[in-house]
Amino acid sequence: LDADSQELWLEQVGLTIHASAGREAVELRCAEGIFEMESESFRLRGKVRGRIGAEQVFRGQWVAYDETRDLLYSDAPVEVEEGGALYQGGGFRYRVAEGVLELVSGVEVFKQ
């Protein structure tokens, strides 16, 4: 814990944004991260792997969560697997409360 910045430094991270009425749970795993105590936002990096509900699996270099906007996002290349298809994009936005995942920048679709 960095007392000045109120940031908690994490290693070998396993984190869950729990499901609630109308929204799916989000499970995240990665090498390291920073949790901001005051805002409850976080940044994760290092082979980030995530699962949204039972259907969507994603991988990327880093992700961040903005608690005030309830938004999980990345501007780094990402892969998403869903329903037998692989999607690649230059980043993503996942509006947690709405359960909406959007890939951004140069999206490609591959059928498996």
Protein backbone atom coordinates (compact mmCIF):
# COMPACT_ATOMS: atom_id res chain seq x y z
CA LEU A 1 0.00 0.00 0.00
CA ASP A 2 1.30 3.40 -0.97
CA ALA A 3 -0.05 5.59 1.84
CA ASP A 4 0.45 8.85 -0.07
CA SER A 5 -1.50 7.84 -3.16
CA GLN A 6 -3.81 5.32 -1.45
CA GLU A 7 -2.95 2.74 -4.12
CA LEU A 8 -2.70 -0.94 -3.35
CA TRP A 9 -0.13 -2.76 -5.53
CA LEU A 10 -1.19 -6.32 -6.41
CA GLU A 11 0.62 -9.38 -7.80
CA GLN A 12 -0.90 -12.54 -9.33
CA VAL A 13 -4.32 -10.91 -9.38
CA GLY A 14 -7.65 -12.72 -9.30
CA LEU A 15 -10.54 -10.29 -9.13
CA THR A 16 -14.33 -10.50 -9.60
CA ILE A 17 -16.90 -7.79 -10.29
CA HIS A 18 -19.91 -9.60 -8.87
CA ALA A 19 -23.15 -10.15 -10.72
CA SER A 20 -26.21 -8.20 -9.65
CA ALA A 21 -29.70 -7.59 -10.98
CA GLY A 22 -29.44 -7.69 -14.75
CA ARG A 23 -25.66 -7.83 -14.99
CA GLU A 24 -23.21 -10.68 -15.41
CA ALA A 25 -20.19 -11.33 -13.21
CA VAL A 26 -16.79 -10.38 -14.62
CA GLU A 27 -13.78 -12.48 -13.58
CA LEU A 28 -10.26 -11.19 -14.20
CA ARG A 29 -6.79 -12.74 -13.85
CA CYS A 30 -3.40 -11.16 -14.54
CA ALA A 31 0.19 -10.74 -13.38
CA GLU A 32 -0.12 -7.42 -11.54
CA GLY A 33 -2.32 -4.46 -10.86
CA ILE A 34 -3.05 -1.31 -8.93
CA PHE A 35 -6.25 -0.81 -6.91
CA GLU A 36 -7.12 2.79 -6.05
CA MET A 37 -8.58 2.70 -2.54
CA GLU A 38 -10.46 6.01 -2.68
CA SER A 39 -12.15 5.58 -6.06
CA GLU A 40 -12.32 1.73 -6.08
CA SER A 41 -11.01 1.84 -9.65
CA PHE A 42 -8.18 -0.42 -10.81
CA ARG A 43 -5.63 -1.02 -13.55
CA LEU A 44 -4.42 -4.53 -14.42
CA ARG A 45 -1.57 -5.59 -16.71
CA GLY A 46 0.44 -8.59 -17.77
CA LYS A 47 -1.40 -11.31 -19.72
CA VAL A 48 -4.86 -10.19 -18.62
CA ARG A 49 -7.53 -12.86 -19.03
CA GLY A 50 -11.19 -12.25 -18.32
CA ARG A 51 -14.60 -13.86 -18.48
CA ILE A 52 -17.90 -12.02 -18.76
CA GLY A 53 -20.71 -14.32 -17.68
CA ALA A 54 -20.53 -17.79 -19.20
CA GLU A 55 -20.15 -16.80 -22.87
CA GLN A 56 -17.44 -14.18 -23.39
CA VAL A 57 -13.73 -14.75 -22.75
CA PHE A 58 -11.17 -12.02 -23.45
CA ARG A 59 -7.40 -11.59 -23.39
CA GLY A 60 -5.28 -8.45 -23.56
CA GLN A 61 -2.17 -6.66 -22.37
CA TRP A 62 -3.95 -4.44 -19.86
CA VAL A 63 -7.41 -3.39 -18.69
CA ALA A 64 -8.68 -0.69 -16.39
CA TYR A 65 -11.92 -0.21 -14.48
CA ASP A 66 -13.42 3.22 -13.83
CA GLU A 67 -15.81 2.85 -10.90
CA THR A 68 -17.54 6.21 -11.42
CA ARG A 69 -18.47 5.29 -15.02
CA ASP A 70 -18.87 1.54 -14.24
CA LEU A 71 -16.65 0.92 -17.28
CA LEU A 72 -14.07 -1.80 -17.92
CA TYR A 73 -11.84 -0.81 -20.85
CA SER A 74 -8.54 -1.09 -22.71
CA ASP A 75 -6.93 0.73 -25.62
CA ALA A 76 -4.52 -2.17 -26.23
CA PRO A 77 -5.11 -5.06 -28.66
CA VAL A 78 -7.68 -7.53 -27.35
CA GLU A 79 -9.15 -10.90 -28.36
CA VAL A 80 -12.69 -11.93 -27.44
CA GLU A 81 -14.10 -15.44 -27.87
CA GLU A 82 -17.85 -15.86 -27.98
CA GLY A 83 -20.16 -18.46 -29.49
CA GLY A 84 -17.55 -20.16 -31.67
CA ALA A 85 -16.12 -16.91 -33.05
CA LEU A 86 -12.91 -15.04 -32.29
CA TYR A 87 -12.98 -11.23 -32.43
CA GLN A 88 -9.88 -9.05 -32.41
CA GLY A 89 -9.78 -5.32 -31.92
CA GLY A 90 -7.55 -2.46 -30.91
CA GLY A 91 -9.32 -2.18 -27.57
CA PHE A 92 -12.72 -2.51 -25.93
CA ARG A 93 -15.30 -0.87 -23.72
CA TYR A 94 -17.51 -2.94 -21.42
CA ARG A 95 -20.32 -1.00 -19.77
CA VAL A 96 -20.76 -3.23 -16.75
CA ALA A 97 -24.22 -2.11 -15.57
CA GLU A 98 -25.65 -2.49 -19.09
CA GLY A 99 -23.74 -5.64 -19.98
CA VAL A 100 -22.62 -4.14 -23.30
CA LEU A 101 -19.23 -5.06 -24.80
CA GLU A 102 -17.89 -2.99 -27.70
CA LEU A 103 -14.65 -3.66 -29.56
CA VAL A 104 -12.92 -0.59 -30.95
CA SER A 105 -10.39 0.14 -33.69
CA GLY A 106 -9.73 -2.31 -36.49
CA VAL A 107 -12.12 -5.10 -35.50
CA GLU A 108 -11.68 -8.49 -37.22
CA VAL A 109 -13.92 -11.57 -36.92
CA PHE A 110 -12.72 -15.18 -37.29
CA LYS A 111 -15.10 -18.18 -37.23
CA GLN A 112 -13.74 -21.17 -35.32
